[in-house]
Amino acid sequence: MDREHRERTERVEAIAKAEAPGSMPDFITYRIEEGPRGLQGVAVCTHPAVRFALDGTRSHTIVPRRAKALRFDIGGRIVFARVVRHPGTRPKNFDARALPRGR
């Protein structure tokens, strides 16, 4: 394995882990593989919600699936709601930011 590829890919992985939201850093790994032009480093996030973080989400309604109400802890107070209107999220392109900074 080429040491330079490994070191660069480890830097990209570390930056992506530092930039990723929530528990996503625990799901970021890397590997060195043969590509069309020789060896290449690949950083991968296998978190089930990674597409929502990278692409963002539109505003949407959240309703309970198996219960009558949703339950939240807001400031130490338990709150119940039958419907929540989520405002959506902005994209967090932690992978795109990590690549040029890790090179």
N, C-alpha and C. Protein backbone atom coordinates (compact mmCIF):
# COMPACT_ATOMS: atom_id res chain seq x y z
N MET A 1 0.86 -1.18 0.00
CA MET A 1 0.00 0.00 0.00
C MET A 1 0.90 1.24 0.00
N ASP A 2 0.57 2.18 -0.81
CA ASP A 2 1.33 3.41 -0.94
C ASP A 2 1.12 4.29 0.28
N ARG A 3 2.21 4.64 0.97
CA ARG A 3 2.11 5.42 2.20
C ARG A 3 1.48 6.79 1.98
N GLU A 4 1.80 7.44 0.88
CA GLU A 4 1.25 8.77 0.60
C GLU A 4 -0.27 8.72 0.44
N HIS A 5 -0.78 7.72 -0.27
CA HIS A 5 -2.23 7.57 -0.43
C HIS A 5 -2.91 7.35 0.93
N ARG A 6 -2.28 6.49 1.73
CA ARG A 6 -2.85 6.19 3.04
C ARG A 6 -2.88 7.44 3.92
N GLU A 7 -1.80 8.20 3.95
CA GLU A 7 -1.74 9.39 4.79
C GLU A 7 -2.74 10.45 4.34
N ARG A 8 -2.85 10.67 3.04
CA ARG A 8 -3.83 11.65 2.52
C ARG A 8 -5.25 11.23 2.85
N THR A 9 -5.53 9.96 2.65
CA THR A 9 -6.88 9.47 2.90
C THR A 9 -7.20 9.51 4.38
N GLU A 10 -6.23 9.24 5.23
CA GLU A 10 -6.45 9.35 6.69
C GLU A 10 -6.74 10.81 7.07
N ARG A 11 -6.06 11.77 6.42
CA ARG A 11 -6.33 13.19 6.70
C ARG A 11 -7.76 13.55 6.28
N VAL A 12 -8.16 13.11 5.10
CA VAL A 12 -9.53 13.38 4.63
C VAL A 12 -10.54 12.76 5.59
N GLU A 13 -10.29 11.53 6.01
CA GLU A 13 -11.18 10.85 6.95
C GLU A 13 -11.28 11.63 8.27
N ALA A 14 -10.15 12.10 8.80
CA ALA A 14 -10.16 12.83 10.07
C ALA A 14 -10.93 14.15 9.94
N ILE A 15 -10.76 14.85 8.83
CA ILE A 15 -11.48 16.12 8.62
C ILE A 15 -12.97 15.85 8.48
N ALA A 16 -13.33 14.82 7.71
CA ALA A 16 -14.75 14.47 7.54
C ALA A 16 -15.37 14.11 8.89
N LYS A 17 -14.64 13.37 9.72
CA LYS A 17 -15.16 13.02 11.05
C LYS A 17 -15.36 14.25 11.91
N ALA A 18 -14.44 15.22 11.80
CA ALA A 18 -14.57 16.44 12.60
C ALA A 18 -15.74 17.30 12.13
N GLU A 19 -16.07 17.25 10.83
CA GLU A 19 -17.13 18.08 10.25
C GLU A 19 -18.51 17.42 10.30
N ALA A 20 -18.55 16.10 10.39
CA ALA A 20 -19.82 15.37 10.30
C ALA A 20 -20.68 15.61 11.54
N PRO A 21 -22.01 15.69 11.35
CA PRO A 21 -22.91 15.94 12.48
C PRO A 21 -23.24 14.66 13.26
N GLY A 22 -23.67 14.87 14.50
CA GLY A 22 -24.22 13.78 15.31
C GLY A 22 -23.29 12.58 15.46
N SER A 23 -23.84 11.40 15.24
CA SER A 23 -23.07 10.16 15.39
C SER A 23 -22.41 9.71 14.09
N MET A 24 -22.53 10.51 13.03
CA MET A 24 -21.97 10.12 11.74
C MET A 24 -20.47 9.88 11.75
N PRO A 25 -19.67 10.60 12.57
CA PRO A 25 -18.24 10.29 12.58
C PRO A 25 -17.93 8.82 12.90
N ASP A 26 -18.76 8.18 13.70
CA ASP A 26 -18.54 6.78 14.04
C ASP A 26 -18.70 5.86 12.84
N PHE A 27 -19.32 6.34 11.77
CA PHE A 27 -19.61 5.52 10.58
C PHE A 27 -18.69 5.86 9.40
N ILE A 28 -17.70 6.71 9.62
CA ILE A 28 -16.80 7.11 8.54
C ILE A 28 -15.54 6.27 8.60
N THR A 29 -15.21 5.63 7.47
CA THR A 29 -14.00 4.82 7.35
C THR A 29 -13.34 5.14 6.02
N TYR A 30 -12.18 4.55 5.80
CA TYR A 30 -11.52 4.73 4.50
C TYR A 30 -10.92 3.41 4.05
N ARG A 31 -10.60 3.38 2.77
CA ARG A 31 -9.90 2.23 2.21
C ARG A 31 -9.08 2.70 1.01
N ILE A 32 -8.05 1.96 0.69
CA ILE A 32 -7.24 2.21 -0.50
C ILE A 32 -7.60 1.12 -1.50
N GLU A 33 -7.91 1.53 -2.72
CA GLU A 33 -8.31 0.55 -3.73
C GLU A 33 -7.71 0.90 -5.08
N GLU A 34 -7.74 -0.06 -5.96
CA GLU A 34 -7.25 0.14 -7.31
C GLU A 34 -8.31 0.90 -8.10
N GLY A 35 -7.92 2.01 -8.71
CA GLY A 35 -8.84 2.81 -9.51
C GLY A 35 -8.42 2.80 -10.96
N PRO A 36 -9.09 3.59 -11.80
CA PRO A 36 -8.77 3.60 -13.23
C PRO A 36 -7.35 4.10 -13.53
N ARG A 37 -6.80 4.92 -12.62
CA ARG A 37 -5.44 5.46 -12.83
C ARG A 37 -4.47 4.99 -11.76
N GLY A 38 -4.71 3.85 -11.17
CA GLY A 38 -3.84 3.34 -10.12
C GLY A 38 -4.53 3.35 -8.77
N LEU A 39 -3.74 3.43 -7.69
CA LEU A 39 -4.31 3.42 -6.35
C LEU A 39 -5.06 4.72 -6.06
N GLN A 40 -6.13 4.58 -5.30
CA GLN A 40 -6.89 5.76 -4.87
C GLN A 40 -7.44 5.51 -3.47
N GLY A 41 -7.53 6.59 -2.71
CA GLY A 41 -8.10 6.51 -1.37
C GLY A 41 -9.58 6.87 -1.44
N VAL A 42 -10.38 6.14 -0.68
CA VAL A 42 -11.83 6.37 -0.68
C VAL A 42 -12.29 6.48 0.78
N ALA A 43 -12.93 7.60 1.13
CA ALA A 43 -13.54 7.76 2.45
C ALA A 43 -15.04 7.51 2.29
N VAL A 44 -15.60 6.73 3.20
CA VAL A 44 -16.99 6.29 3.09
C VAL A 44 -17.72 6.53 4.41
N CYS A 45 -18.97 6.99 4.33
CA CYS A 45 -19.83 7.10 5.51
C CYS A 45 -21.02 6.16 5.30
N THR A 46 -21.20 5.21 6.21
CA THR A 46 -22.27 4.22 6.09
C THR A 46 -23.44 4.50 7.03
N HIS A 47 -23.49 5.69 7.60
CA HIS A 47 -24.61 6.05 8.49
C HIS A 47 -25.91 6.01 7.70
N PRO A 48 -26.99 5.46 8.26
CA PRO A 48 -28.25 5.34 7.50
C PRO A 48 -28.85 6.68 7.07
N ALA A 49 -28.51 7.77 7.73
CA ALA A 49 -29.10 9.07 7.39
C ALA A 49 -28.12 10.00 6.68
N VAL A 50 -27.03 9.46 6.15
CA VAL A 50 -26.01 10.32 5.55
C VAL A 50 -26.55 11.14 4.38
N ARG A 51 -27.45 10.60 3.58
CA ARG A 51 -28.00 11.36 2.45
C ARG A 51 -28.77 12.59 2.93
N PHE A 52 -29.47 12.47 4.05
CA PHE A 52 -30.22 13.61 4.59
C PHE A 52 -29.26 14.72 5.03
N ALA A 53 -28.12 14.32 5.61
CA ALA A 53 -27.14 15.32 6.04
C ALA A 53 -26.47 15.98 4.84
N LEU A 54 -26.07 15.18 3.86
CA LEU A 54 -25.35 15.73 2.70
C LEU A 54 -26.24 16.57 1.80
N ASP A 55 -27.47 16.11 1.58
CA ASP A 55 -28.37 16.80 0.64
C ASP A 55 -29.32 17.78 1.31
N GLY A 56 -29.48 17.69 2.63
CA GLY A 56 -30.47 18.50 3.32
C GLY A 56 -31.86 17.90 3.11
N THR A 57 -32.85 18.49 3.75
CA THR A 57 -34.23 18.00 3.59
C THR A 57 -35.16 19.19 3.39
N ARG A 58 -36.25 18.94 2.72
CA ARG A 58 -37.30 19.95 2.59
C ARG A 58 -38.12 19.98 3.88
N SER A 59 -38.93 21.00 4.03
CA SER A 59 -39.83 21.01 5.17
C SER A 59 -40.80 19.83 5.00
N HIS A 60 -41.17 19.21 6.10
CA HIS A 60 -42.02 18.03 6.03
C HIS A 60 -42.77 17.84 7.35
N THR A 61 -43.82 17.04 7.27
CA THR A 61 -44.64 16.74 8.44
C THR A 61 -44.20 15.40 9.02
N ILE A 62 -44.08 15.34 10.33
CA ILE A 62 -43.73 14.09 11.02
C ILE A 62 -44.93 13.66 11.85
N VAL A 63 -45.35 12.42 11.67
CA VAL A 63 -46.46 11.85 12.43
C VAL A 63 -45.99 10.54 13.07
N PRO A 64 -46.58 10.16 14.19
CA PRO A 64 -46.17 8.90 14.83
C PRO A 64 -46.57 7.70 13.98
N ARG A 65 -45.75 6.66 14.01
CA ARG A 65 -46.04 5.44 13.25
C ARG A 65 -46.74 4.39 14.10
N ARG A 66 -46.27 4.19 15.32
CA ARG A 66 -46.81 3.11 16.16
C ARG A 66 -47.39 3.61 17.47
N ALA A 67 -47.60 4.89 17.57
CA ALA A 67 -48.14 5.46 18.82
C ALA A 67 -49.13 6.57 18.45
N LYS A 68 -49.80 7.08 19.45
CA LYS A 68 -50.78 8.14 19.20
C LYS A 68 -50.13 9.52 19.14
N ALA A 69 -48.93 9.63 19.74
CA ALA A 69 -48.28 10.94 19.79
C ALA A 69 -46.76 10.77 19.73
N LEU A 70 -46.09 11.84 19.32
CA LEU A 70 -44.64 11.92 19.37
C LEU A 70 -44.25 12.48 20.73
N ARG A 71 -43.11 12.06 21.25
CA ARG A 71 -42.66 12.50 22.58
C ARG A 71 -41.29 13.15 22.44
N PHE A 72 -41.16 14.35 23.02
CA PHE A 72 -39.91 15.10 22.97
C PHE A 72 -39.54 15.59 24.35
N ASP A 73 -38.26 15.75 24.57
CA ASP A 73 -37.75 16.40 25.78
C ASP A 73 -37.22 17.75 25.34
N ILE A 74 -37.89 18.81 25.74
CA ILE A 74 -37.49 20.17 25.37
C ILE A 74 -37.15 20.94 26.63
N GLY A 75 -35.87 21.20 26.81
CA GLY A 75 -35.44 21.93 27.99
C GLY A 75 -35.77 21.24 29.29
N GLY A 76 -35.73 19.92 29.33
CA GLY A 76 -36.03 19.17 30.54
C GLY A 76 -37.51 18.92 30.76
N ARG A 77 -38.34 19.39 29.84
CA ARG A 77 -39.80 19.21 29.95
C ARG A 77 -40.27 18.23 28.88
N ILE A 78 -41.08 17.27 29.24
CA ILE A 78 -41.61 16.30 28.28
C ILE A 78 -42.81 16.92 27.56
N VAL A 79 -42.78 16.86 26.22
CA VAL A 79 -43.85 17.43 25.40
C VAL A 79 -44.35 16.35 24.45
N PHE A 80 -45.66 16.29 24.25
CA PHE A 80 -46.28 15.35 23.32
C PHE A 80 -46.92 16.12 22.18
N ALA A 81 -46.88 15.55 20.98
CA ALA A 81 -47.51 16.19 19.82
C ALA A 81 -48.02 15.11 18.88
N ARG A 82 -49.17 15.35 18.27
CA ARG A 82 -49.71 14.40 17.28
C ARG A 82 -49.07 14.60 15.92
N VAL A 83 -48.67 15.84 15.64
CA VAL A 83 -48.05 16.18 14.36
C VAL A 83 -46.97 17.22 14.62
N VAL A 84 -45.86 17.11 13.90
CA VAL A 84 -44.80 18.11 13.97
C VAL A 84 -44.48 18.56 12.55
N ARG A 85 -44.39 19.86 12.35
CA ARG A 85 -44.00 20.39 11.05
C ARG A 85 -42.52 20.77 11.11
N HIS A 86 -41.70 19.91 10.56
CA HIS A 86 -40.25 20.12 10.59
C HIS A 86 -39.87 21.12 9.50
N PRO A 87 -39.05 22.12 9.81
CA PRO A 87 -38.72 23.15 8.83
C PRO A 87 -37.74 22.69 7.75
N GLY A 88 -37.17 21.51 7.89
CA GLY A 88 -36.16 21.03 6.95
C GLY A 88 -34.78 21.37 7.45
N THR A 89 -33.77 20.87 6.75
CA THR A 89 -32.38 21.12 7.14
C THR A 89 -31.57 21.54 5.93
N ARG A 90 -30.55 22.33 6.17
CA ARG A 90 -29.64 22.74 5.11
C ARG A 90 -28.63 21.62 4.87
N PRO A 91 -28.13 21.50 3.65
CA PRO A 91 -27.10 20.48 3.39
C PRO A 91 -25.84 20.74 4.21
N LYS A 92 -25.23 19.67 4.66
CA LYS A 92 -23.94 19.74 5.37
C LYS A 92 -22.95 18.89 4.58
N ASN A 93 -22.30 19.49 3.62
CA ASN A 93 -21.40 18.75 2.73
C ASN A 93 -20.04 18.54 3.37
N PHE A 94 -20.03 17.81 4.48
CA PHE A 94 -18.78 17.57 5.19
C PHE A 94 -17.78 16.79 4.35
N ASP A 95 -18.26 15.92 3.48
CA ASP A 95 -17.37 15.15 2.62
C ASP A 95 -16.71 16.02 1.57
N ALA A 96 -17.47 16.91 0.96
CA ALA A 96 -16.92 17.80 -0.06
C ALA A 96 -15.94 18.80 0.53
N ARG A 97 -16.17 19.23 1.77
CA ARG A 97 -15.23 20.15 2.43
C ARG A 97 -13.95 19.43 2.85
N ALA A 98 -14.05 18.17 3.22
CA ALA A 98 -12.89 17.42 3.72
C ALA A 98 -11.89 17.11 2.60
N LEU A 99 -12.37 16.84 1.41
CA LEU A 99 -11.49 16.39 0.33
C LEU A 99 -10.40 17.40 -0.02
N PRO A 100 -10.74 18.66 -0.36
CA PRO A 100 -9.65 19.58 -0.71
C PRO A 100 -8.77 19.94 0.49
N ARG A 101 -9.33 19.94 1.68
CA ARG A 101 -8.54 20.28 2.87
C ARG A 101 -7.59 19.16 3.26
N GLY A 102 -7.91 17.93 2.91
CA GLY A 102 -7.08 16.79 3.28
C GLY A 102 -5.97 16.50 2.30
N ARG A 103 -6.01 17.10 1.15
CA ARG A 103 -4.97 16.83 0.14
C ARG A 103 -3.75 17.52 0.52
